[in-house]
Each structure stands twice: as structure tokens, then as C-alpha cells.
Amino acid sequence: MDSSAYNSKYRFMSDILKTLHLTMDTFIYNLAHHTPYEMLLYRWINKLYTKGISSEEAIQLIYKARNILLLNPKNGLCTPPEPIDTPS
């Protein structure tokens, strides 16, 4: 990968992370420690960069994907807790 392609990908990722209020240092640290959110976000960023999507459009797509992931009652992360059975 030549330096201009590296700089372009770095700028793409940096723009997205800034918009999501994440610092590059914290993001890379969490990514290196296999934090699920950062790993998912990294895959999304790479896929969108490879497809040639602009950073503005990528940000909107990531917002939509996060909302679907977080708010989907079946497979999402914000499902209501199971009721606790109390002894009678």
C-alpha cells in the first residue's frame, strides 16, 4: 500500500471516529484488546472504505447500523431482562 492510500484510509477512519466521539488512541487500544464494539466498528469502516463510500455517507450508514443493532428487540443489545421467578 503506498503512502497516499494509507493516508487516505487513515483520514477516512479518523473522520468517522471523530464524529463518533472516539479518539484514535482509545479506539486502537480497545481494538487490540478485542473489544467487541471496536472490532465490529473496525470491520464496518474497512468494508465501507473498500467499497469507496465517502466518509460522510459511511458515518450515516454506521449510525443506522448501530441503531439497528442496539434497538432491535430480537437480536439487539437492548433487550428487556427476563422476569425473575420468585419463590412462593
PDB file of N, CA and C in Angstrom:
ATOM      1  N   MET A   1       0.864  -1.173   0.000  1.00  0.00           N
ATOM      2  CA  MET A   1       0.000   0.000   0.000  1.00  0.00           C
ATOM      3  C   MET A   1       0.906   1.230   0.000  1.00  0.00           C
ATOM      4  N   ASP A   2       0.708   2.115  -0.962  1.00  0.00           N
ATOM      5  CA  ASP A   2       1.544   3.312  -0.996  1.00  0.00           C
ATOM      6  C   ASP A   2       1.080   4.302   0.080  1.00  0.00           C
ATOM      7  N   SER A   3       1.917   5.320   0.315  1.00  0.00           N
ATOM      8  CA  SER A   3       1.642   6.236   1.433  1.00  0.00           C
ATOM      9  C   SER A   3       0.371   7.048   1.224  1.00  0.00           C
ATOM     10  N   SER A   4       0.027   7.388  -0.024  1.00  0.00           N
ATOM     11  CA  SER A   4      -1.195   8.164  -0.246  1.00  0.00           C
ATOM     12  C   SER A   4      -2.437   7.336   0.069  1.00  0.00           C
ATOM     13  N   ALA A   5      -2.415   6.054  -0.249  1.00  0.00           N
ATOM     14  CA  ALA A   5      -3.551   5.185   0.091  1.00  0.00           C
ATOM     15  C   ALA A   5      -3.652   5.016   1.592  1.00  0.00           C
ATOM     16  N   TYR A   6      -2.512   4.880   2.268  1.00  0.00           N
ATOM     17  CA  TYR A   6      -2.515   4.763   3.724  1.00  0.00           C
ATOM     18  C   TYR A   6      -3.065   6.031   4.351  1.00  0.00           C
ATOM     19  N   ASN A   7      -2.611   7.191   3.880  1.00  0.00           N
ATOM     20  CA  ASN A   7      -3.091   8.466   4.420  1.00  0.00           C
ATOM     21  C   ASN A   7      -4.585   8.641   4.178  1.00  0.00           C
ATOM     22  N   SER A   8      -5.054   8.200   3.024  1.00  0.00           N
ATOM     23  CA  SER A   8      -6.466   8.303   2.698  1.00  0.00           C
ATOM     24  C   SER A   8      -7.305   7.427   3.630  1.00  0.00           C
ATOM     25  N   LYS A   9      -6.868   6.201   3.860  1.00  0.00           N
ATOM     26  CA  LYS A   9      -7.598   5.303   4.750  1.00  0.00           C
ATOM     27  C   LYS A   9      -7.545   5.815   6.184  1.00  0.00           C
ATOM     28  N   TYR A  10      -6.403   6.339   6.597  1.00  0.00           N
ATOM     29  CA  TYR A  10      -6.265   6.895   7.946  1.00  0.00           C
ATOM     30  C   TYR A  10      -7.214   8.076   8.122  1.00  0.00           C
ATOM     31  N   ARG A  11      -7.287   8.948   7.119  1.00  0.00           N
ATOM     32  CA  ARG A  11      -8.174  10.116   7.187  1.00  0.00           C
ATOM     33  C   ARG A  11      -9.635   9.670   7.243  1.00  0.00           C
ATOM     34  N   PHE A  12      -9.977   8.678   6.452  1.00  0.00           N
ATOM     35  CA  PHE A  12     -11.332   8.128   6.439  1.00  0.00           C
ATOM     36  C   PHE A  12     -11.709   7.631   7.840  1.00  0.00           C
ATOM     37  N   MET A  13     -10.848   6.813   8.418  1.00  0.00           N
ATOM     38  CA  MET A  13     -11.107   6.271   9.747  1.00  0.00           C
ATOM     39  C   MET A  13     -11.135   7.377  10.792  1.00  0.00           C
ATOM     40  N   SER A  14     -10.214   8.292  10.703  1.00  0.00           N
ATOM     41  CA  SER A  14     -10.131   9.392  11.653  1.00  0.00           C
ATOM     42  C   SER A  14     -11.392  10.249  11.627  1.00  0.00           C
ATOM     43  N   ASP A  15     -11.879  10.562  10.441  1.00  0.00           N
ATOM     44  CA  ASP A  15     -13.107  11.362  10.315  1.00  0.00           C
ATOM     45  C   ASP A  15     -14.297  10.657  10.962  1.00  0.00           C
ATOM     46  N   ILE A  16     -14.405   9.366  10.728  1.00  0.00           N
ATOM     47  CA  ILE A  16     -15.517   8.602  11.300  1.00  0.00           C
ATOM     48  C   ILE A  16     -15.406   8.552  12.818  1.00  0.00           C
ATOM     49  N   LEU A  17     -14.219   8.261  13.325  1.00  0.00           N
ATOM     50  CA  LEU A  17     -14.037   8.150  14.775  1.00  0.00           C
ATOM     51  C   LEU A  17     -14.294   9.481  15.477  1.00  0.00           C
ATOM     52  N   LYS A  18     -13.856  10.582  14.869  1.00  0.00           N
ATOM     53  CA  LYS A  18     -14.118  11.897  15.464  1.00  0.00           C
ATOM     54  C   LYS A  18     -15.611  12.161  15.557  1.00  0.00           C
ATOM     55  N   THR A  19     -16.331  11.818  14.517  1.00  0.00           N
ATOM     56  CA  THR A  19     -17.775  12.036  14.503  1.00  0.00           C
ATOM     57  C   THR A  19     -18.469  11.179  15.561  1.00  0.00           C
ATOM     58  N   LEU A  20     -17.932   9.989  15.807  1.00  0.00           N
ATOM     59  CA  LEU A  20     -18.499   9.099  16.814  1.00  0.00           C
ATOM     60  C   LEU A  20     -17.970   9.404  18.213  1.00  0.00           C
ATOM     61  N   HIS A  21     -17.204  10.475  18.335  1.00  0.00           N
ATOM     62  CA  HIS A  21     -16.637  10.921  19.609  1.00  0.00           C
ATOM     63  C   HIS A  21     -15.691   9.895  20.222  1.00  0.00           C
ATOM     64  N   LEU A  22     -14.895   9.262  19.369  1.00  0.00           N
ATOM     65  CA  LEU A  22     -13.877   8.324  19.813  1.00  0.00           C
ATOM     66  C   LEU A  22     -12.508   8.863  19.426  1.00  0.00           C
ATOM     67  N   THR A  23     -11.524   8.691  20.301  1.00  0.00           N
ATOM     68  CA  THR A  23     -10.161   9.080  19.931  1.00  0.00           C
ATOM     69  C   THR A  23      -9.484   7.883  19.267  1.00  0.00           C
ATOM     70  N   MET A  24      -8.573   8.171  18.374  1.00  0.00           N
ATOM     71  CA  MET A  24      -7.865   7.114  17.659  1.00  0.00           C
ATOM     72  C   MET A  24      -7.090   6.234  18.642  1.00  0.00           C
ATOM     73  N   ASP A  25      -6.445   6.832  19.638  1.00  0.00           N
ATOM     74  CA  ASP A  25      -5.656   6.056  20.603  1.00  0.00           C
ATOM     75  C   ASP A  25      -6.521   5.062  21.367  1.00  0.00           C
ATOM     76  N   THR A  26      -7.646   5.533  21.886  1.00  0.00           N
ATOM     77  CA  THR A  26      -8.533   4.664  22.650  1.00  0.00           C
ATOM     78  C   THR A  26      -9.127   3.581  21.756  1.00  0.00           C
ATOM     79  N   PHE A  27      -9.506   3.967  20.546  1.00  0.00           N
ATOM     80  CA  PHE A  27     -10.079   3.007  19.610  1.00  0.00           C
ATOM     81  C   PHE A  27      -9.081   1.890  19.296  1.00  0.00           C
ATOM     82  N   ILE A  28      -7.853   2.248  18.971  1.00  0.00           N
ATOM     83  CA  ILE A  28      -6.835   1.248  18.623  1.00  0.00           C
ATOM     84  C   ILE A  28      -6.502   0.379  19.828  1.00  0.00           C
ATOM     85  N   TYR A  29      -6.423   0.979  21.022  1.00  0.00           N
ATOM     86  CA  TYR A  29      -6.160   0.214  22.241  1.00  0.00           C
ATOM     87  C   TYR A  29      -7.261  -0.830  22.450  1.00  0.00           C
ATOM     88  N   ASN A  30      -8.518  -0.396  22.354  1.00  0.00           N
ATOM     89  CA  ASN A  30      -9.637  -1.320  22.541  1.00  0.00           C
ATOM     90  C   ASN A  30      -9.692  -2.375  21.438  1.00  0.00           C
ATOM     91  N   LEU A  31      -9.346  -1.973  20.227  1.00  0.00           N
ATOM     92  CA  LEU A  31      -9.303  -2.916  19.109  1.00  0.00           C
ATOM     93  C   LEU A  31      -8.246  -3.992  19.354  1.00  0.00           C
ATOM     94  N   ALA A  32      -7.088  -3.582  19.839  1.00  0.00           N
ATOM     95  CA  ALA A  32      -6.005  -4.527  20.127  1.00  0.00           C
ATOM     96  C   ALA A  32      -6.384  -5.498  21.243  1.00  0.00           C
ATOM     97  N   HIS A  33      -7.283  -5.079  22.112  1.00  0.00           N
ATOM     98  CA  HIS A  33      -7.737  -5.934  23.208  1.00  0.00           C
ATOM     99  C   HIS A  33      -9.064  -6.639  22.875  1.00  0.00           C
ATOM    100  N   HIS A  34      -9.414  -6.646  21.596  1.00  0.00           N
ATOM    101  CA  HIS A  34     -10.565  -7.390  21.071  1.00  0.00           C
ATOM    102  C   HIS A  34     -11.890  -6.985  21.718  1.00  0.00           C
ATOM    103  N   THR A  35     -12.064  -5.703  21.966  1.00  0.00           N
ATOM    104  CA  THR A  35     -13.335  -5.217  22.484  1.00  0.00           C
ATOM    105  C   THR A  35     -14.372  -5.341  21.368  1.00  0.00           C
ATOM    106  N   PRO A  36     -15.511  -5.989  21.644  1.00  0.00           N
ATOM    107  CA  PRO A  36     -16.473  -6.295  20.573  1.00  0.00           C
ATOM    108  C   PRO A  36     -16.950  -5.083  19.772  1.00  0.00           C
ATOM    109  N   TYR A  37     -17.257  -3.974  20.434  1.00  0.00           N
ATOM    110  CA  TYR A  37     -17.760  -2.806  19.712  1.00  0.00           C
ATOM    111  C   TYR A  37     -16.719  -2.279  18.743  1.00  0.00           C
ATOM    112  N   GLU A  38     -15.490  -2.139  19.204  1.00  0.00           N
ATOM    113  CA  GLU A  38     -14.435  -1.624  18.331  1.00  0.00           C
ATOM    114  C   GLU A  38     -14.129  -2.582  17.186  1.00  0.00           C
ATOM    115  N   MET A  39     -14.196  -3.878  17.443  1.00  0.00           N
ATOM    116  CA  MET A  39     -13.939  -4.841  16.371  1.00  0.00           C
ATOM    117  C   MET A  39     -15.018  -4.761  15.300  1.00  0.00           C
ATOM    118  N   LEU A  40     -16.266  -4.636  15.726  1.00  0.00           N
ATOM    119  CA  LEU A  40     -17.365  -4.504  14.778  1.00  0.00           C
ATOM    120  C   LEU A  40     -17.246  -3.207  13.988  1.00  0.00           C
ATOM    121  N   LEU A  41     -16.965  -2.136  14.689  1.00  0.00           N
ATOM    122  CA  LEU A  41     -16.812  -0.834  14.040  1.00  0.00           C
ATOM    123  C   LEU A  41     -15.658  -0.846  13.041  1.00  0.00           C
ATOM    124  N   TYR A  42     -14.561  -1.481  13.403  1.00  0.00           N
ATOM    125  CA  TYR A  42     -13.410  -1.582  12.502  1.00  0.00           C
ATOM    126  C   TYR A  42     -13.774  -2.347  11.234  1.00  0.00           C
ATOM    127  N   ARG A  43     -14.523  -3.438  11.370  1.00  0.00           N
ATOM    128  CA  ARG A  43     -14.956  -4.195  10.180  1.00  0.00           C
ATOM    129  C   ARG A  43     -15.847  -3.336   9.294  1.00  0.00           C
ATOM    130  N   TRP A  44     -16.772  -2.611   9.910  1.00  0.00           N
ATOM    131  CA  TRP A  44     -17.653  -1.734   9.132  1.00  0.00           C
ATOM    132  C   TRP A  44     -16.843  -0.678   8.390  1.00  0.00           C
ATOM    133  N   ILE A  45     -15.914  -0.030   9.093  1.00  0.00           N
ATOM    134  CA  ILE A  45     -15.105   1.028   8.474  1.00  0.00           C
ATOM    135  C   ILE A  45     -14.315   0.469   7.305  1.00  0.00           C
ATOM    136  N   ASN A  46     -13.672  -0.662   7.486  1.00  0.00           N
ATOM    137  CA  ASN A  46     -12.881  -1.263   6.400  1.00  0.00           C
ATOM    138  C   ASN A  46     -13.743  -1.620   5.205  1.00  0.00           C
ATOM    139  N   LYS A  47     -14.912  -2.199   5.471  1.00  0.00           N
ATOM    140  CA  LYS A  47     -15.796  -2.597   4.375  1.00  0.00           C
ATOM    141  C   LYS A  47     -16.268  -1.370   3.593  1.00  0.00           C
ATOM    142  N   LEU A  48     -16.639  -0.314   4.301  1.00  0.00           N
ATOM    143  CA  LEU A  48     -17.118   0.896   3.631  1.00  0.00           C
ATOM    144  C   LEU A  48     -15.992   1.590   2.863  1.00  0.00           C
ATOM    145  N   TYR A  49     -14.785   1.585   3.419  1.00  0.00           N
ATOM    146  CA  TYR A  49     -13.645   2.183   2.719  1.00  0.00           C
ATOM    147  C   TYR A  49     -13.349   1.400   1.434  1.00  0.00           C
ATOM    148  N   THR A  50     -13.371   0.079   1.528  1.00  0.00           N
ATOM    149  CA  THR A  50     -13.102  -0.773   0.369  1.00  0.00           C
ATOM    150  C   THR A  50     -14.124  -0.543  -0.746  1.00  0.00           C
ATOM    151  N   LYS A  51     -15.375  -0.272  -0.350  1.00  0.00           N
ATOM    152  CA  LYS A  51     -16.422  -0.021  -1.343  1.00  0.00           C
ATOM    153  C   LYS A  51     -16.340   1.381  -1.939  1.00  0.00           C
ATOM    154  N   GLY A  52     -15.476   2.233  -1.397  1.00  0.00           N
ATOM    155  CA  GLY A  52     -15.312   3.581  -1.940  1.00  0.00           C
ATOM    156  C   GLY A  52     -16.371   4.566  -1.468  1.00  0.00           C
ATOM    157  N   ILE A  53     -17.011   4.271  -0.359  1.00  0.00           N
ATOM    158  CA  ILE A  53     -18.038   5.152   0.200  1.00  0.00           C
ATOM    159  C   ILE A  53     -17.362   6.383   0.799  1.00  0.00           C
ATOM    160  N   SER A  54     -17.982   7.541   0.664  1.00  0.00           N
ATOM    161  CA  SER A  54     -17.426   8.753   1.272  1.00  0.00           C
ATOM    162  C   SER A  54     -17.546   8.658   2.786  1.00  0.00           C
ATOM    163  N   SER A  55     -16.714   9.399   3.506  1.00  0.00           N
ATOM    164  CA  SER A  55     -16.756   9.337   4.969  1.00  0.00           C
ATOM    165  C   SER A  55     -18.097   9.852   5.501  1.00  0.00           C
ATOM    166  N   GLU A  56     -18.684  10.848   4.849  1.00  0.00           N
ATOM    167  CA  GLU A  56     -19.984  11.372   5.293  1.00  0.00           C
ATOM    168  C   GLU A  56     -21.071  10.310   5.162  1.00  0.00           C
ATOM    169  N   GLU A  57     -21.072   9.619   4.031  1.00  0.00           N
ATOM    170  CA  GLU A  57     -22.060   8.566   3.822  1.00  0.00           C
ATOM    171  C   GLU A  57     -21.798   7.385   4.760  1.00  0.00           C
ATOM    172  N   ALA A  58     -20.529   7.074   4.978  1.00  0.00           N
ATOM    173  CA  ALA A  58     -20.170   5.977   5.883  1.00  0.00           C
ATOM    174  C   ALA A  58     -20.661   6.264   7.299  1.00  0.00           C
ATOM    175  N   ILE A  59     -20.532   7.502   7.736  1.00  0.00           N
ATOM    176  CA  ILE A  59     -20.994   7.881   9.071  1.00  0.00           C
ATOM    177  C   ILE A  59     -22.489   7.644   9.196  1.00  0.00           C
ATOM    178  N   GLN A  60     -23.249   8.048   8.190  1.00  0.00           N
ATOM    179  CA  GLN A  60     -24.703   7.844   8.222  1.00  0.00           C
ATOM    180  C   GLN A  60     -25.050   6.352   8.237  1.00  0.00           C
ATOM    181  N   LEU A  61     -24.342   5.564   7.443  1.00  0.00           N
ATOM    182  CA  LEU A  61     -24.590   4.126   7.417  1.00  0.00           C
ATOM    183  C   LEU A  61     -24.246   3.478   8.761  1.00  0.00           C
ATOM    184  N   ILE A  62     -23.173   3.919   9.381  1.00  0.00           N
ATOM    185  CA  ILE A  62     -22.777   3.371  10.681  1.00  0.00           C
ATOM    186  C   ILE A  62     -23.797   3.753  11.748  1.00  0.00           C
ATOM    187  N   TYR A  63     -24.290   4.996  11.710  1.00  0.00           N
ATOM    188  CA  TYR A  63     -25.349   5.391  12.650  1.00  0.00           C
ATOM    189  C   TYR A  63     -26.568   4.483  12.505  1.00  0.00           C
ATOM    190  N   LYS A  64     -26.975   4.238  11.271  1.00  0.00           N
ATOM    191  CA  LYS A  64     -28.141   3.380  11.034  1.00  0.00           C
ATOM    192  C   LYS A  64     -27.881   1.952  11.513  1.00  0.00           C
ATOM    193  N   ALA A  65     -26.708   1.426  11.203  1.00  0.00           N
ATOM    194  CA  ALA A  65     -26.370   0.060  11.609  1.00  0.00           C
ATOM    195  C   ALA A  65     -26.314  -0.060  13.125  1.00  0.00           C
ATOM    196  N   ARG A  66     -25.750   0.945  13.798  1.00  0.00           N
ATOM    197  CA  ARG A  66     -25.707   0.917  15.270  1.00  0.00           C
ATOM    198  C   ARG A  66     -27.109   0.930  15.852  1.00  0.00           C
ATOM    199  N   ASN A  67     -27.974   1.758  15.304  1.00  0.00           N
ATOM    200  CA  ASN A  67     -29.349   1.817  15.806  1.00  0.00           C
ATOM    201  C   ASN A  67     -30.056   0.480  15.623  1.00  0.00           C
ATOM    202  N   ILE A  68     -29.872  -0.140  14.473  1.00  0.00           N
ATOM    203  CA  ILE A  68     -30.492  -1.446  14.229  1.00  0.00           C
ATOM    204  C   ILE A  68     -29.945  -2.471  15.224  1.00  0.00           C
ATOM    205  N   LEU A  69     -28.638  -2.476  15.409  1.00  0.00           N
ATOM    206  CA  LEU A  69     -28.011  -3.427  16.319  1.00  0.00           C
ATOM    207  C   LEU A  69     -28.459  -3.203  17.757  1.00  0.00           C
ATOM    208  N   LEU A  70     -28.478  -1.962  18.182  1.00  0.00           N
ATOM    209  CA  LEU A  70     -28.782  -1.669  19.578  1.00  0.00           C
ATOM    210  C   LEU A  70     -30.264  -1.717  19.909  1.00  0.00           C
ATOM    211  N   LEU A  71     -31.109  -1.394  18.945  1.00  0.00           N
ATOM    212  CA  LEU A  71     -32.528  -1.261  19.244  1.00  0.00           C
ATOM    213  C   LEU A  71     -33.398  -2.403  18.743  1.00  0.00           C
ATOM    214  N   ASN A  72     -32.825  -3.355  18.032  1.00  0.00           N
ATOM    215  CA  ASN A  72     -33.583  -4.490  17.533  1.00  0.00           C
ATOM    216  C   ASN A  72     -33.964  -5.392  18.709  1.00  0.00           C
ATOM    217  N   PRO A  73     -35.265  -5.554  18.979  1.00  0.00           N
ATOM    218  CA  PRO A  73     -35.663  -6.328  20.152  1.00  0.00           C
ATOM    219  C   PRO A  73     -35.298  -7.817  20.087  1.00  0.00           C
ATOM    220  N   LYS A  74     -35.168  -8.377  18.885  1.00  0.00           N
ATOM    221  CA  LYS A  74     -34.844  -9.803  18.791  1.00  0.00           C
ATOM    222  C   LYS A  74     -33.361 -10.070  18.990  1.00  0.00           C
ATOM    223  N   ASN A  75     -32.528  -9.386  18.221  1.00  0.00           N
ATOM    224  CA  ASN A  75     -31.095  -9.677  18.225  1.00  0.00           C
ATOM    225  C   ASN A  75     -30.264  -8.547  18.813  1.00  0.00           C
ATOM    226  N   GLY A  76     -30.902  -7.510  19.279  1.00  0.00           N
ATOM    227  CA  GLY A  76     -30.174  -6.338  19.737  1.00  0.00           C
ATOM    228  C   GLY A  76     -29.576  -6.492  21.117  1.00  0.00           C
ATOM    229  N   LEU A  77     -28.877  -5.468  21.509  1.00  0.00           N
ATOM    230  CA  LEU A  77     -28.225  -5.463  22.804  1.00  0.00           C
ATOM    231  C   LEU A  77     -29.102  -4.862  23.886  1.00  0.00           C
ATOM    232  N   CYS A  78     -30.206  -4.241  23.521  1.00  0.00           N
ATOM    233  CA  CYS A  78     -31.071  -3.572  24.488  1.00  0.00           C
ATOM    234  C   CYS A  78     -32.368  -4.340  24.684  1.00  0.00           C
ATOM    235  N   THR A  79     -32.273  -5.619  24.868  1.00  0.00           N
ATOM    236  CA  THR A  79     -33.472  -6.402  25.098  1.00  0.00           C
ATOM    237  C   THR A  79     -33.862  -6.305  26.565  1.00  0.00           C
ATOM    238  N   PRO A  80     -35.149  -6.322  26.841  1.00  0.00           N
ATOM    239  CA  PRO A  80     -35.573  -6.235  28.239  1.00  0.00           C
ATOM    240  C   PRO A  80     -35.131  -7.482  29.007  1.00  0.00           C
ATOM    241  N   PRO A  81     -34.864  -7.339  30.284  1.00  0.00           N
ATOM    242  CA  PRO A  81     -34.416  -8.502  31.065  1.00  0.00           C
ATOM    243  C   PRO A  81     -35.536  -9.514  31.221  1.00  0.00           C
ATOM    244  N   GLU A  82     -35.142 -10.749  31.375  1.00  0.00           N
ATOM    245  CA  GLU A  82     -36.099 -11.823  31.609  1.00  0.00           C
ATOM    246  C   GLU A  82     -36.690 -11.653  33.002  1.00  0.00           C
ATOM    247  N   PRO A  83     -37.969 -11.965  33.169  1.00  0.00           N
ATOM    248  CA  PRO A  83     -38.558 -11.864  34.517  1.00  0.00           C
ATOM    249  C   PRO A  83     -37.915 -12.876  35.450  1.00  0.00           C
ATOM    250  N   ILE A  84     -37.756 -12.470  36.675  1.00  0.00           N
ATOM    251  CA  ILE A  84     -37.167 -13.344  37.688  1.00  0.00           C
ATOM    252  C   ILE A  84     -38.289 -14.089  38.401  1.00  0.00           C
ATOM    253  N   ASP A  85     -38.158 -15.403  38.432  1.00  0.00           N
ATOM    254  CA  ASP A  85     -39.153 -16.203  39.165  1.00  0.00           C
ATOM    255  C   ASP A  85     -38.858 -16.105  40.654  1.00  0.00           C
ATOM    256  N   THR A  86     -39.841 -15.693  41.406  1.00  0.00           N
ATOM    257  CA  THR A  86     -39.672 -15.604  42.849  1.00  0.00           C
ATOM    258  C   THR A  86     -40.357 -16.792  43.504  1.00  0.00           C
ATOM    259  N   PRO A  87     -39.737 -17.353  44.519  1.00  0.00           N
ATOM    260  CA  PRO A  87     -40.367 -18.491  45.199  1.00  0.00           C
ATOM    261  C   PRO A  87     -41.649 -18.054  45.892  1.00  0.00           C
ATOM    262  N   SER A  88     -42.648 -18.914  45.887  1.00  0.00           N
ATOM    263  CA  SER A  88     -43.937 -18.594  46.512  1.00  0.00           C
ATOM    264  C   SER A  88     -43.914 -18.854  47.991  1.00  0.00           C
TER     265      SER A  88
END
